[in-house]
Amino acid sequence: MSHSDIQKINSTEVMSAVTVFNQVVYLSGQVPKNPDLDIEGQTLDILATIEQLLASANSDKSRLLSVQLFLKNLSDFPTVNAIYVDWLKDCVAPSRATIQADLVNPNWLIEIAVIAAQK
């Protein structure tokens, strides 16, 4: 079976940042580039990365199908939710789950994984 119909972007031996199949874009969990930022800074950083990765796969946040938010501290939920709602203000919100999680790097406060449709 050929895998030429599966596109992978920014791949390492561990994962691909983006996988595209059947006009659906799957992003790996995105984490902050700067783990020293507070929850607001980390969230904005990740959302910007998500926008860049979606663009690289011919998609954007208006095409989101599903979002998974992984929060280290549930006390950050109101802050993250306000940023998220503002980020999606011109879009219909996708399906979403929010999960409390111990993240790989103890300085990461949030990780976000999304699935979107291509344009």
Protein backbone atom coordinates (compact mmCIF):
# COMPACT_ATOMS: atom_id res chain seq x y z
CA MET A 1 0.00 0.00 0.00
CA SER A 2 1.33 3.42 -0.95
CA HIS A 3 1.49 6.24 1.57
CA SER A 4 1.96 8.94 -1.07
CA ASP A 5 -1.56 10.16 -0.26
CA ILE A 6 -0.39 11.04 3.27
CA GLN A 7 1.53 14.31 3.62
CA LYS A 8 3.77 14.93 6.63
CA ILE A 9 5.33 18.29 7.53
CA ASN A 10 8.12 19.11 10.02
CA SER A 11 8.85 15.46 10.78
CA THR A 12 11.34 14.09 13.30
CA GLU A 13 12.04 10.50 14.32
CA VAL A 14 9.39 10.93 17.02
CA MET A 15 6.54 12.75 15.25
CA SER A 16 5.36 15.00 12.46
CA ALA A 17 4.09 18.44 13.46
CA VAL A 18 1.46 18.16 10.73
CA THR A 19 -0.08 15.15 9.00
CA VAL A 20 -2.58 15.57 6.17
CA PHE A 21 -4.82 12.79 4.88
CA ASN A 22 -8.03 12.95 2.90
CA GLN A 23 -8.09 16.77 3.20
CA VAL A 24 -7.96 16.59 7.00
CA VAL A 25 -5.07 18.26 8.86
CA TYR A 26 -3.86 16.70 12.12
CA LEU A 27 -1.50 18.73 14.32
CA SER A 28 0.63 17.17 17.02
CA GLY A 29 0.22 18.67 20.47
CA GLN A 30 1.79 22.13 20.33
CA VAL A 31 3.73 23.46 23.30
CA PRO A 32 5.14 26.92 24.07
CA LYS A 33 8.40 27.90 22.41
CA ASN A 34 9.23 29.87 25.56
CA PRO A 35 8.30 27.83 28.67
CA ASP A 36 9.22 30.76 30.94
CA LEU A 37 6.09 32.69 29.90
CA ASP A 38 2.98 32.77 32.10
CA ILE A 39 -0.18 30.91 31.07
CA GLU A 40 -1.39 33.83 28.93
CA GLY A 41 1.93 34.09 27.10
CA GLN A 42 2.20 30.32 26.59
CA THR A 43 -1.37 30.11 25.26
CA LEU A 44 -0.88 32.99 22.79
CA ASP A 45 2.44 31.48 21.67
CA ILE A 46 0.83 28.12 20.95
CA LEU A 47 -2.17 29.62 19.14
CA ALA A 48 0.21 31.56 16.87
CA THR A 49 2.12 28.34 16.12
CA ILE A 50 -1.15 26.55 15.35
CA GLU A 51 -2.11 29.27 12.88
CA GLN A 52 1.29 28.96 11.14
CA LEU A 53 1.08 25.16 10.94
CA LEU A 54 -2.50 25.22 9.65
CA ALA A 55 -1.45 27.71 6.96
CA SER A 56 1.39 25.38 5.93
CA ALA A 57 -1.26 22.71 5.26
CA ASN A 58 -3.71 25.00 3.43
CA SER A 59 -6.07 25.44 6.36
CA ASP A 60 -6.86 28.00 9.06
CA LYS A 61 -8.63 28.32 12.41
CA SER A 62 -12.04 28.78 10.73
CA ARG A 63 -11.64 25.18 9.47
CA LEU A 64 -11.01 23.60 12.90
CA LEU A 65 -12.91 20.39 13.53
CA SER A 66 -11.62 19.48 16.98
CA VAL A 67 -9.41 21.00 19.68
CA GLN A 68 -7.88 19.31 22.72
CA LEU A 69 -6.50 21.56 25.46
CA PHE A 70 -4.18 19.98 28.00
CA LEU A 71 -3.77 22.14 31.11
CA LYS A 72 -1.28 21.55 33.90
CA ASN A 73 -3.36 23.61 36.33
CA LEU A 74 -7.15 23.69 36.08
CA SER A 75 -7.02 27.04 37.88
CA ASP A 76 -5.73 28.45 34.55
CA PHE A 77 -8.91 27.40 32.75
CA PRO A 78 -10.73 30.77 32.94
CA THR A 79 -7.69 32.63 31.55
CA VAL A 80 -7.11 30.12 28.76
CA ASN A 81 -10.80 29.99 27.90
CA ALA A 82 -11.03 33.79 27.58
CA ILE A 83 -7.99 33.85 25.24
CA TYR A 84 -9.39 30.93 23.23
CA VAL A 85 -12.84 32.55 22.84
CA ASP A 86 -11.21 35.80 21.70
CA TRP A 87 -8.97 33.89 19.24
CA LEU A 88 -12.05 32.26 17.68
CA LYS A 89 -14.27 35.35 17.80
CA ASP A 90 -14.91 35.37 14.02
CA CYS A 91 -15.31 31.58 13.73
CA VAL A 92 -17.84 28.96 14.78
CA ALA A 93 -16.17 27.07 17.62
CA PRO A 94 -15.12 23.46 16.90
CA SER A 95 -15.65 20.42 19.10
CA ARG A 96 -13.37 20.67 22.12
CA ALA A 97 -12.09 18.83 25.16
CA THR A 98 -10.11 20.22 28.08
CA ILE A 99 -7.99 17.79 30.08
CA GLN A 100 -5.81 18.29 33.15
CA ALA A 101 -2.44 16.70 32.45
CA ASP A 102 1.10 16.39 33.75
CA LEU A 103 3.03 17.66 30.72
CA VAL A 104 6.45 16.34 29.67
CA ASN A 105 8.31 19.56 30.53
CA PRO A 106 7.36 20.73 34.05
CA ASN A 107 7.52 24.37 32.83
CA TRP A 108 4.86 23.80 30.18
CA LEU A 109 1.51 25.00 31.49
CA ILE A 110 -0.49 24.09 28.38
CA GLU A 111 -0.41 21.92 25.25
CA ILE A 112 -2.96 22.14 22.42
CA ALA A 113 -3.69 19.59 19.69
CA VAL A 114 -6.07 20.32 16.81
CA ILE A 115 -7.64 18.69 13.77
CA ALA A 116 -8.84 20.84 10.86
CA ALA A 117 -10.20 20.53 7.34
CA GLN A 118 -8.20 21.84 4.39
CA LYS A 119 -9.58 24.72 2.35
